[in-house]
């Protein structure tokens, strides 16, 4: 009696039923894949979104001291042609005075051109300061009227509840008067 409990069961040959189960499971897996694929594919970005992955901007028409706004990925991007006084003012700020320390040189590729995403880092508002008549705050950059955040001429947070500087997007100078953002 002890020998029969210890012996392995005899192997059973493959049957037609095993083949039918394998085929049925395979067809079910293919069917699930065919149903799920369109849903997964619909989560990819559309062609119009992919087209906005980069934006070119002409700089030649922007006078010194002037700022323009271009759209990139549905966000405003501020391009400011800074004056020598604005550059000097941005570089003279001691790092200890900054909430989110960053040098002016680390935020620009060419001294005269500042390119930042124009969205306040506090609650996502669009700060004022692009028009000559806008309130630019105490530091001459941008002012967010919603909660009083103030940015300097390098887009760094100087006062208010915003936790960090205005974001510098990835950009490349294609020529002296043209950039590609993104």
N, C-alpha and C. Protein backbone atom coordinates (compact mmCIF):
# COMPACT_ATOMS: atom_id res chain seq x y z
N UNK A 1 0.82 -1.18 0.00
CA UNK A 1 0.00 0.00 0.00
C UNK A 1 0.86 1.24 0.00
N UNK A 2 1.99 1.23 0.72
CA UNK A 2 2.86 2.38 0.76
C UNK A 2 3.51 2.60 -0.60
N UNK A 3 3.75 1.52 -1.37
CA UNK A 3 4.37 1.66 -2.69
C UNK A 3 3.46 2.36 -3.68
N UNK A 4 2.19 2.17 -3.61
CA UNK A 4 1.27 2.78 -4.57
C UNK A 4 1.12 4.28 -4.31
N UNK A 5 1.28 4.70 -3.09
CA UNK A 5 1.18 6.13 -2.80
C UNK A 5 2.41 6.89 -3.29
N UNK A 6 3.57 6.24 -3.28
CA UNK A 6 4.81 6.91 -3.65
C UNK A 6 5.05 6.89 -5.14
N UNK A 7 4.44 6.05 -5.89
CA UNK A 7 4.73 5.97 -7.32
C UNK A 7 4.00 7.08 -8.07
N UNK A 8 4.67 7.66 -9.09
CA UNK A 8 4.03 8.74 -9.86
C UNK A 8 2.91 8.18 -10.71
N UNK A 9 1.95 9.07 -10.99
CA UNK A 9 0.85 8.58 -11.84
C UNK A 9 1.35 8.30 -13.25
N UNK A 10 0.75 7.39 -13.91
CA UNK A 10 1.18 7.08 -15.28
C UNK A 10 0.93 8.29 -16.19
N UNK A 11 1.84 8.55 -17.14
CA UNK A 11 1.68 9.67 -18.07
C UNK A 11 0.57 9.36 -19.03
N UNK A 12 -0.22 10.44 -19.28
CA UNK A 12 -1.32 10.27 -20.21
C UNK A 12 -0.93 10.88 -21.55
N UNK A 13 -1.24 10.25 -22.60
CA UNK A 13 -0.88 10.79 -23.91
C UNK A 13 -1.71 12.06 -24.20
N UNK A 14 -1.15 12.95 -25.05
CA UNK A 14 -1.88 14.16 -25.42
C UNK A 14 -3.16 13.74 -26.13
N UNK A 15 -4.19 14.48 -25.81
CA UNK A 15 -5.49 14.12 -26.40
C UNK A 15 -5.95 15.24 -27.31
N UNK A 16 -7.00 14.96 -28.00
CA UNK A 16 -7.59 15.94 -28.89
C UNK A 16 -8.14 17.11 -28.08
N UNK A 17 -8.59 16.84 -26.87
CA UNK A 17 -9.12 17.89 -26.00
C UNK A 17 -8.03 18.90 -25.66
N UNK A 18 -6.81 18.47 -25.39
CA UNK A 18 -5.70 19.39 -25.09
C UNK A 18 -5.45 20.33 -26.27
N UNK A 19 -5.49 19.80 -27.47
CA UNK A 19 -5.29 20.61 -28.66
C UNK A 19 -6.39 21.66 -28.79
N UNK A 20 -7.63 21.27 -28.55
CA UNK A 20 -8.75 22.21 -28.66
C UNK A 20 -8.64 23.33 -27.60
N UNK A 21 -8.20 22.99 -26.40
CA UNK A 21 -8.01 24.00 -25.35
C UNK A 21 -6.92 24.98 -25.77
N UNK A 22 -5.81 24.48 -26.28
CA UNK A 22 -4.72 25.34 -26.72
C UNK A 22 -5.17 26.29 -27.84
N UNK A 23 -5.90 25.79 -28.80
CA UNK A 23 -6.38 26.61 -29.92
C UNK A 23 -7.37 27.65 -29.41
N UNK A 24 -8.26 27.26 -28.51
CA UNK A 24 -9.26 28.19 -27.98
C UNK A 24 -8.61 29.32 -27.19
N UNK A 25 -7.63 29.01 -26.36
CA UNK A 25 -6.92 30.02 -25.58
C UNK A 25 -6.17 30.96 -26.51
N UNK A 26 -5.56 30.43 -27.56
CA UNK A 26 -4.83 31.27 -28.52
C UNK A 26 -5.76 32.24 -29.23
N UNK A 27 -6.90 31.76 -29.70
CA UNK A 27 -7.86 32.64 -30.37
C UNK A 27 -8.41 33.69 -29.41
N UNK A 28 -8.63 33.33 -28.16
CA UNK A 28 -9.12 34.29 -27.17
C UNK A 28 -8.09 35.40 -26.93
N UNK A 29 -6.81 35.03 -26.84
CA UNK A 29 -5.75 36.02 -26.63
C UNK A 29 -5.66 36.97 -27.83
N UNK A 30 -5.74 36.43 -29.03
CA UNK A 30 -5.72 37.27 -30.24
C UNK A 30 -6.94 38.18 -30.27
N UNK A 31 -8.09 37.68 -29.88
CA UNK A 31 -9.31 38.49 -29.85
C UNK A 31 -9.22 39.63 -28.85
N UNK A 32 -8.68 39.36 -27.67
CA UNK A 32 -8.51 40.42 -26.67
C UNK A 32 -7.54 41.47 -27.19
N UNK A 33 -6.46 41.04 -27.82
CA UNK A 33 -5.50 41.98 -28.39
C UNK A 33 -6.12 42.85 -29.46
N UNK A 34 -6.97 42.25 -30.31
CA UNK A 34 -7.62 43.00 -31.38
C UNK A 34 -8.60 44.02 -30.83
N UNK A 35 -9.24 43.72 -29.70
CA UNK A 35 -10.18 44.67 -29.10
C UNK A 35 -9.45 45.77 -28.34
N UNK A 36 -8.36 45.45 -27.65
CA UNK A 36 -7.65 46.42 -26.81
C UNK A 36 -6.76 47.34 -27.64
N UNK A 37 -6.21 46.89 -28.76
CA UNK A 37 -5.27 47.69 -29.54
C UNK A 37 -5.81 49.07 -29.93
N UNK A 38 -7.04 49.20 -30.44
CA UNK A 38 -7.52 50.55 -30.79
C UNK A 38 -7.58 51.49 -29.58
N UNK A 39 -7.90 50.98 -28.40
CA UNK A 39 -7.93 51.83 -27.21
C UNK A 39 -6.54 52.30 -26.83
N UNK A 40 -5.56 51.42 -26.89
CA UNK A 40 -4.19 51.81 -26.59
C UNK A 40 -3.67 52.79 -27.64
N UNK A 41 -3.99 52.53 -28.89
CA UNK A 41 -3.55 53.40 -29.97
C UNK A 41 -4.16 54.80 -29.86
N UNK A 42 -5.37 54.89 -29.33
CA UNK A 42 -6.03 56.20 -29.20
C UNK A 42 -5.37 57.08 -28.15
N UNK A 43 -4.53 56.51 -27.30
CA UNK A 43 -3.84 57.29 -26.27
C UNK A 43 -2.59 57.98 -26.80
N UNK A 44 -2.15 57.68 -28.00
CA UNK A 44 -1.00 58.35 -28.60
C UNK A 44 -1.39 59.78 -28.97
N UNK A 45 -0.44 60.71 -28.97
CA UNK A 45 -0.77 62.09 -29.34
C UNK A 45 -1.21 62.18 -30.80
N UNK A 46 -2.13 63.09 -31.06
CA UNK A 46 -2.63 63.26 -32.42
C UNK A 46 -1.61 64.02 -33.27
N UNK A 47 -1.86 64.09 -34.56
CA UNK A 47 -0.91 64.74 -35.47
C UNK A 47 -0.75 66.23 -35.16
N UNK A 48 -1.85 66.90 -34.80
CA UNK A 48 -1.74 68.33 -34.51
C UNK A 48 -0.92 68.58 -33.25
N UNK A 49 -0.98 67.68 -32.29
CA UNK A 49 -0.17 67.82 -31.08
C UNK A 49 1.30 67.56 -31.41
N UNK A 50 1.57 66.55 -32.20
CA UNK A 50 2.95 66.27 -32.59
C UNK A 50 3.54 67.41 -33.41
N UNK A 51 2.70 68.08 -34.19
CA UNK A 51 3.19 69.22 -34.97
C UNK A 51 3.62 70.37 -34.06
N UNK A 52 3.04 70.45 -32.88
CA UNK A 52 3.40 71.52 -31.95
C UNK A 52 4.57 71.14 -31.04
N UNK A 53 5.20 70.01 -31.31
CA UNK A 53 6.31 69.58 -30.48
C UNK A 53 7.45 70.58 -30.53
N UNK A 54 7.57 71.31 -31.63
CA UNK A 54 8.55 72.38 -31.71
C UNK A 54 7.93 73.57 -32.43
N UNK A 55 8.40 74.74 -32.07
CA UNK A 55 7.91 75.98 -32.66
C UNK A 55 9.10 76.84 -33.03
N UNK A 56 9.07 77.39 -34.22
CA UNK A 56 10.12 78.32 -34.66
C UNK A 56 9.64 79.74 -34.42
N UNK A 57 10.56 80.60 -34.00
CA UNK A 57 10.23 82.00 -33.75
C UNK A 57 11.27 82.89 -34.39
N UNK A 58 10.81 83.94 -35.06
CA UNK A 58 11.68 84.93 -35.68
C UNK A 58 12.03 85.99 -34.65
N UNK A 59 13.31 86.27 -34.49
CA UNK A 59 13.76 87.24 -33.50
C UNK A 59 14.09 88.59 -34.11
N UNK A 60 14.26 88.64 -35.43
CA UNK A 60 14.71 89.85 -36.10
C UNK A 60 13.80 91.06 -35.88
N UNK A 61 12.51 90.83 -35.75
CA UNK A 61 11.57 91.95 -35.62
C UNK A 61 11.39 92.42 -34.18
N UNK A 62 12.01 91.75 -33.23
CA UNK A 62 11.85 92.11 -31.82
C UNK A 62 12.91 93.14 -31.45
N UNK A 63 12.46 94.35 -31.17
CA UNK A 63 13.39 95.43 -30.82
C UNK A 63 13.93 95.23 -29.41
N UNK A 64 15.08 95.81 -29.13
CA UNK A 64 15.67 95.72 -27.80
C UNK A 64 14.70 96.33 -26.78
N UNK A 65 14.48 95.61 -25.69
CA UNK A 65 13.53 96.03 -24.66
C UNK A 65 12.11 95.55 -24.90
N UNK A 66 11.86 94.93 -26.04
CA UNK A 66 10.53 94.44 -26.39
C UNK A 66 10.41 92.95 -26.06
N UNK A 67 9.18 92.52 -25.84
CA UNK A 67 8.90 91.11 -25.55
C UNK A 67 7.75 90.64 -26.43
N UNK A 68 7.79 89.38 -26.83
CA UNK A 68 6.70 88.78 -27.59
C UNK A 68 6.33 87.45 -26.95
N UNK A 69 5.15 86.98 -27.29
CA UNK A 69 4.66 85.70 -26.79
C UNK A 69 4.40 84.79 -27.98
N UNK A 70 4.93 83.58 -27.94
CA UNK A 70 4.63 82.57 -28.94
C UNK A 70 4.03 81.37 -28.20
N UNK A 71 3.28 80.57 -28.92
CA UNK A 71 2.67 79.39 -28.31
C UNK A 71 3.50 78.16 -28.66
N UNK A 72 3.72 77.33 -27.65
CA UNK A 72 4.46 76.08 -27.80
C UNK A 72 3.78 75.04 -26.92
N UNK A 73 3.32 73.97 -27.54
CA UNK A 73 2.61 72.90 -26.82
C UNK A 73 1.44 73.43 -26.01
N UNK A 74 0.78 74.44 -26.54
CA UNK A 74 -0.38 75.02 -25.86
C UNK A 74 -0.03 75.94 -24.70
N UNK A 75 1.24 76.27 -24.55
CA UNK A 75 1.68 77.14 -23.46
C UNK A 75 2.28 78.41 -24.04
N UNK A 76 2.10 79.54 -23.34
CA UNK A 76 2.75 80.76 -23.80
C UNK A 76 4.25 80.73 -23.47
N UNK A 77 5.06 81.13 -24.41
CA UNK A 77 6.49 81.25 -24.19
C UNK A 77 6.85 82.71 -24.39
N UNK A 78 7.48 83.29 -23.38
CA UNK A 78 7.87 84.69 -23.43
C UNK A 78 9.29 84.79 -24.00
N UNK A 79 9.43 85.61 -25.02
CA UNK A 79 10.74 85.90 -25.60
C UNK A 79 11.00 87.38 -25.38
N UNK A 80 12.03 87.70 -24.63
CA UNK A 80 12.36 89.09 -24.34
C UNK A 80 13.76 89.42 -24.85
N UNK A 81 13.83 90.49 -25.64
CA UNK A 81 15.11 91.02 -26.10
C UNK A 81 15.55 92.03 -25.04
N UNK A 82 16.41 91.58 -24.17
CA UNK A 82 16.78 92.36 -23.00
C UNK A 82 17.75 93.49 -23.35
N UNK A 83 17.60 94.57 -22.62
CA UNK A 83 18.52 95.69 -22.75
C UNK A 83 19.77 95.40 -21.93
N UNK A 84 20.81 96.19 -22.17
CA UNK A 84 22.05 96.02 -21.40
C UNK A 84 21.78 96.26 -19.91
N UNK A 85 20.90 97.21 -19.60
CA UNK A 85 20.56 97.49 -18.19
C UNK A 85 19.85 96.31 -17.55
N UNK A 86 18.95 95.64 -18.28
CA UNK A 86 18.25 94.47 -17.74
C UNK A 86 19.22 93.32 -17.49
N UNK A 87 20.16 93.14 -18.40
CA UNK A 87 21.15 92.07 -18.23
C UNK A 87 22.02 92.36 -17.02
N UNK A 88 22.49 93.60 -16.92
CA UNK A 88 23.34 93.99 -15.79
C UNK A 88 22.58 93.84 -14.47
N UNK A 89 21.33 94.25 -14.45
CA UNK A 89 20.51 94.13 -13.24
C UNK A 89 20.33 92.68 -12.84
N UNK A 90 20.10 91.79 -13.81
CA UNK A 90 19.90 90.36 -13.52
C UNK A 90 21.18 89.73 -12.98
N UNK A 91 22.32 90.16 -13.49
CA UNK A 91 23.59 89.56 -13.07
C UNK A 91 24.09 90.10 -11.74
N UNK A 92 23.57 91.25 -11.32
CA UNK A 92 24.03 91.88 -10.08
C UNK A 92 23.32 91.33 -8.84
N UNK A 93 22.32 90.49 -9.02
CA UNK A 93 21.55 89.97 -7.88
C UNK A 93 22.37 88.93 -7.13
N UNK A 94 22.55 89.10 -5.81
CA UNK A 94 23.25 88.08 -5.02
C UNK A 94 22.41 86.80 -4.93
N UNK A 95 23.06 85.65 -5.02
CA UNK A 95 22.35 84.37 -4.98
C UNK A 95 21.57 84.20 -3.69
N UNK A 96 22.02 84.80 -2.60
CA UNK A 96 21.32 84.69 -1.32
C UNK A 96 19.97 85.38 -1.31
N UNK A 97 19.73 86.29 -2.26
CA UNK A 97 18.45 87.00 -2.34
C UNK A 97 17.40 86.21 -3.11
N UNK A 98 17.78 85.09 -3.70
CA UNK A 98 16.86 84.34 -4.56
C UNK A 98 16.24 83.16 -3.83
N UNK A 99 14.94 82.99 -4.04
CA UNK A 99 14.21 81.86 -3.46
C UNK A 99 14.61 80.55 -4.14
N UNK A 100 14.81 80.61 -5.45
CA UNK A 100 15.25 79.46 -6.25
C UNK A 100 16.54 79.89 -6.96
N UNK A 101 17.70 79.76 -6.30
CA UNK A 101 18.94 80.31 -6.84
C UNK A 101 19.34 79.75 -8.20
N UNK A 102 19.60 80.66 -9.12
CA UNK A 102 20.10 80.31 -10.46
C UNK A 102 20.76 81.56 -11.03
N UNK A 103 21.91 81.38 -11.63
CA UNK A 103 22.58 82.53 -12.23
C UNK A 103 21.88 82.91 -13.51
N UNK A 104 22.03 84.16 -13.90
CA UNK A 104 21.45 84.62 -15.16
C UNK A 104 22.09 83.87 -16.32
N UNK A 105 23.40 83.62 -16.24
CA UNK A 105 24.11 82.93 -17.32
C UNK A 105 23.59 81.51 -17.53
N UNK A 106 23.10 80.87 -16.48
CA UNK A 106 22.59 79.51 -16.62
C UNK A 106 21.19 79.48 -17.25
N UNK A 107 20.55 80.63 -17.36
CA UNK A 107 19.19 80.69 -17.87
C UNK A 107 19.10 81.21 -19.31
N UNK A 108 20.22 81.63 -19.89
CA UNK A 108 20.22 82.15 -21.25
C UNK A 108 21.33 81.51 -22.06
N UNK A 109 21.13 81.45 -23.37
CA UNK A 109 22.20 80.98 -24.26
C UNK A 109 22.96 82.17 -24.84
N UNK A 110 22.22 83.23 -25.11
CA UNK A 110 22.81 84.49 -25.56
C UNK A 110 22.29 85.58 -24.63
N UNK A 111 23.18 86.42 -24.17
CA UNK A 111 22.84 87.39 -23.12
C UNK A 111 21.59 88.21 -23.41
N UNK A 112 21.41 88.64 -24.64
CA UNK A 112 20.32 89.55 -24.96
C UNK A 112 18.95 88.86 -25.00
N UNK A 113 18.92 87.55 -25.14
CA UNK A 113 17.66 86.85 -25.35
C UNK A 113 17.30 85.97 -24.15
N UNK A 114 16.15 86.29 -23.54
CA UNK A 114 15.62 85.45 -22.47
C UNK A 114 14.37 84.76 -22.99
N UNK A 115 14.33 83.45 -22.90
CA UNK A 115 13.19 82.65 -23.36
C UNK A 115 12.72 81.82 -22.19
N UNK A 116 11.47 82.05 -21.74
CA UNK A 116 10.90 81.32 -20.61
C UNK A 116 9.45 80.95 -20.91
N UNK A 117 8.98 79.88 -20.29
CA UNK A 117 7.57 79.50 -20.38
C UNK A 117 6.81 80.48 -19.50
N UNK A 118 5.82 81.14 -20.07
CA UNK A 118 5.09 82.20 -19.38
C UNK A 118 3.96 81.70 -18.51
N UNK A 119 4.27 80.78 -17.60
CA UNK A 119 3.26 80.27 -16.68
C UNK A 119 3.82 80.38 -15.27
N UNK A 120 3.09 81.07 -14.40
CA UNK A 120 3.51 81.25 -13.02
C UNK A 120 3.64 79.88 -12.36
N UNK A 121 4.70 79.69 -11.61
CA UNK A 121 4.94 78.39 -10.99
C UNK A 121 4.15 78.19 -9.71
N UNK A 122 3.29 79.14 -9.37
CA UNK A 122 2.47 78.99 -8.17
C UNK A 122 1.18 78.25 -8.51
N UNK A 123 0.33 78.86 -9.32
CA UNK A 123 -0.94 78.22 -9.65
C UNK A 123 -1.22 78.13 -11.15
N UNK A 124 -0.22 78.42 -11.96
CA UNK A 124 -0.38 78.26 -13.40
C UNK A 124 -1.01 79.44 -14.12
N UNK A 125 -0.99 80.61 -13.53
CA UNK A 125 -1.52 81.81 -14.18
C UNK A 125 -0.49 82.31 -15.20
N UNK A 126 -0.91 83.23 -16.06
CA UNK A 126 0.01 83.86 -17.01
C UNK A 126 0.36 85.24 -16.46
N UNK A 127 1.61 85.45 -16.08
CA UNK A 127 2.01 86.73 -15.48
C UNK A 127 1.96 87.88 -16.48
N UNK A 128 1.82 89.08 -15.95
CA UNK A 128 1.86 90.31 -16.75
C UNK A 128 3.32 90.71 -16.94
N UNK A 129 3.57 91.48 -18.00
CA UNK A 129 4.91 92.00 -18.22
C UNK A 129 5.36 91.93 -19.66
N UNK A 130 4.53 91.42 -20.53
CA UNK A 130 4.90 91.33 -21.93
C UNK A 130 4.64 92.64 -22.68
N UNK A 131 3.61 93.37 -22.28
CA UNK A 131 3.29 94.64 -22.92
C UNK A 131 4.03 95.77 -22.21
N UNK A 132 4.37 96.82 -22.92
CA UNK A 132 5.06 97.94 -22.26
C UNK A 132 4.23 98.59 -21.16
N UNK A 133 2.90 98.49 -21.25
CA UNK A 133 2.03 99.12 -20.24
C UNK A 133 1.72 98.20 -19.07
N UNK A 134 2.16 96.94 -19.11
CA UNK A 134 1.88 95.99 -18.03
C UNK A 134 2.68 96.31 -16.78
N UNK A 135 2.11 95.95 -15.64
CA UNK A 135 2.83 96.03 -14.37
C UNK A 135 3.88 94.92 -14.38
N UNK A 136 5.14 95.28 -14.26
CA UNK A 136 6.23 94.30 -14.26
C UNK A 136 6.74 94.02 -12.86
N UNK A 137 6.12 94.60 -11.86
CA UNK A 137 6.55 94.36 -10.48
C UNK A 137 7.77 95.16 -10.12
N UNK A 138 8.22 94.97 -8.92
CA UNK A 138 9.35 95.71 -8.37
C UNK A 138 10.65 95.40 -9.09
N UNK A 139 10.78 94.22 -9.65
CA UNK A 139 12.05 93.76 -10.20
C UNK A 139 12.13 93.88 -11.73
N UNK A 140 11.13 94.47 -12.36
CA UNK A 140 11.17 94.76 -13.79
C UNK A 140 10.98 93.59 -14.72
N UNK A 141 10.60 92.43 -14.22
CA UNK A 141 10.40 91.25 -15.07
C UNK A 141 8.93 91.00 -15.35
N UNK A 142 8.31 90.15 -14.54
CA UNK A 142 6.91 89.80 -14.69
C UNK A 142 6.23 89.83 -13.33
N UNK A 143 4.93 90.12 -13.36
CA UNK A 143 4.14 90.21 -12.14
C UNK A 143 2.88 89.37 -12.32
N UNK A 144 2.64 88.44 -11.40
CA UNK A 144 1.43 87.63 -11.45
C UNK A 144 0.43 88.24 -10.47
N UNK A 145 -0.64 88.85 -10.97
CA UNK A 145 -1.57 89.55 -10.11
C UNK A 145 -2.44 88.64 -9.24
N UNK A 146 -2.51 87.38 -9.52
CA UNK A 146 -3.38 86.47 -8.76
C UNK A 146 -2.96 86.40 -7.28
N UNK A 147 -1.68 86.21 -7.03
CA UNK A 147 -1.21 86.10 -5.65
C UNK A 147 0.05 86.92 -5.39
N UNK A 148 0.44 87.77 -6.35
CA UNK A 148 1.53 88.71 -6.12
C UNK A 148 2.93 88.19 -6.36
N UNK A 149 3.10 87.10 -7.09
CA UNK A 149 4.46 86.63 -7.39
C UNK A 149 5.13 87.60 -8.35
N UNK A 150 6.41 87.89 -8.07
CA UNK A 150 7.17 88.81 -8.90
C UNK A 150 8.46 88.14 -9.37
N UNK A 151 8.74 88.29 -10.67
CA UNK A 151 9.92 87.69 -11.29
C UNK A 151 10.83 88.81 -11.79
N UNK A 152 12.13 88.57 -11.80
CA UNK A 152 13.07 89.59 -12.27
C UNK A 152 13.30 89.46 -13.77
N UNK A 153 14.27 90.22 -14.30
CA UNK A 153 14.53 90.26 -15.73
C UNK A 153 15.22 88.99 -16.24
N UNK A 154 15.42 88.02 -15.37
CA UNK A 154 15.95 86.72 -15.77
C UNK A 154 14.89 85.63 -15.55
N UNK A 155 13.67 86.03 -15.17
CA UNK A 155 12.59 85.07 -14.95
C UNK A 155 12.71 84.32 -13.65
N UNK A 156 13.48 84.86 -12.69
CA UNK A 156 13.67 84.20 -11.39
C UNK A 156 12.67 84.76 -10.39
N UNK A 157 12.12 83.90 -9.57
CA UNK A 157 11.16 84.33 -8.54
C UNK A 157 11.89 85.18 -7.51
N UNK A 158 11.32 86.33 -7.23
CA UNK A 158 11.94 87.24 -6.26
C UNK A 158 11.04 87.51 -5.07
N UNK A 159 9.73 87.46 -5.29
CA UNK A 159 8.80 87.78 -4.21
C UNK A 159 7.47 87.08 -4.48
N UNK A 160 6.80 86.65 -3.43
CA UNK A 160 5.49 86.03 -3.57
C UNK A 160 5.53 84.54 -3.32
N UNK A 161 4.38 83.88 -3.50
CA UNK A 161 4.26 82.47 -3.14
C UNK A 161 4.80 81.47 -4.16
N UNK A 162 5.16 81.92 -5.34
CA UNK A 162 5.65 80.98 -6.36
C UNK A 162 6.90 80.27 -5.83
N UNK A 163 6.97 78.94 -5.97
CA UNK A 163 8.10 78.19 -5.40
C UNK A 163 9.36 78.18 -6.24
N UNK A 164 9.23 78.43 -7.55
CA UNK A 164 10.42 78.31 -8.40
C UNK A 164 10.39 79.33 -9.53
N UNK A 165 11.51 79.42 -10.22
CA UNK A 165 11.67 80.34 -11.35
C UNK A 165 10.78 79.93 -12.51
N UNK A 166 10.55 80.88 -13.43
CA UNK A 166 9.87 80.54 -14.67
C UNK A 166 10.72 79.51 -15.41
N UNK A 167 10.09 78.52 -15.97
CA UNK A 167 10.78 77.42 -16.65
C UNK A 167 11.43 77.91 -17.93
N UNK A 168 12.66 77.49 -18.17
CA UNK A 168 13.36 77.77 -19.43
C UNK A 168 13.17 76.54 -20.32
N UNK A 169 12.46 76.69 -21.45
CA UNK A 169 12.25 75.53 -22.31
C UNK A 169 13.54 75.18 -23.07
N UNK A 170 13.55 74.02 -23.66
CA UNK A 170 14.66 73.64 -24.52
C UNK A 170 14.52 74.43 -25.82
N UNK A 171 15.58 75.11 -26.20
CA UNK A 171 15.54 75.87 -27.46
C UNK A 171 16.92 75.89 -28.08
N UNK A 172 16.93 76.15 -29.39
CA UNK A 172 18.17 76.19 -30.16
C UNK A 172 18.13 77.39 -31.09
N UNK A 173 19.24 78.08 -31.21
CA UNK A 173 19.36 79.15 -32.18
C UNK A 173 19.65 78.53 -33.54
N UNK A 174 18.74 78.72 -34.50
CA UNK A 174 18.94 78.21 -35.85
C UNK A 174 19.80 79.18 -36.65
N UNK A 175 19.70 80.46 -36.32
CA UNK A 175 20.53 81.51 -36.92
C UNK A 175 20.54 82.66 -35.93
N UNK A 176 21.10 83.79 -36.32
CA UNK A 176 21.16 84.94 -35.41
C UNK A 176 19.78 85.49 -35.09
N UNK A 177 18.83 85.27 -35.99
CA UNK A 177 17.50 85.84 -35.77
C UNK A 177 16.37 84.81 -35.82
N UNK A 178 16.67 83.56 -35.53
CA UNK A 178 15.63 82.53 -35.53
C UNK A 178 15.96 81.46 -34.50
N UNK A 179 14.94 81.06 -33.70
CA UNK A 179 15.12 79.99 -32.73
C UNK A 179 14.08 78.90 -32.94
N UNK A 180 14.39 77.72 -32.46
CA UNK A 180 13.43 76.61 -32.44
C UNK A 180 13.25 76.20 -30.99
N UNK A 181 12.01 76.28 -30.53
CA UNK A 181 11.67 75.91 -29.16
C UNK A 181 11.15 74.48 -29.20
N UNK A 182 11.71 73.65 -28.34
CA UNK A 182 11.27 72.25 -28.27
C UNK A 182 12.19 71.31 -28.95
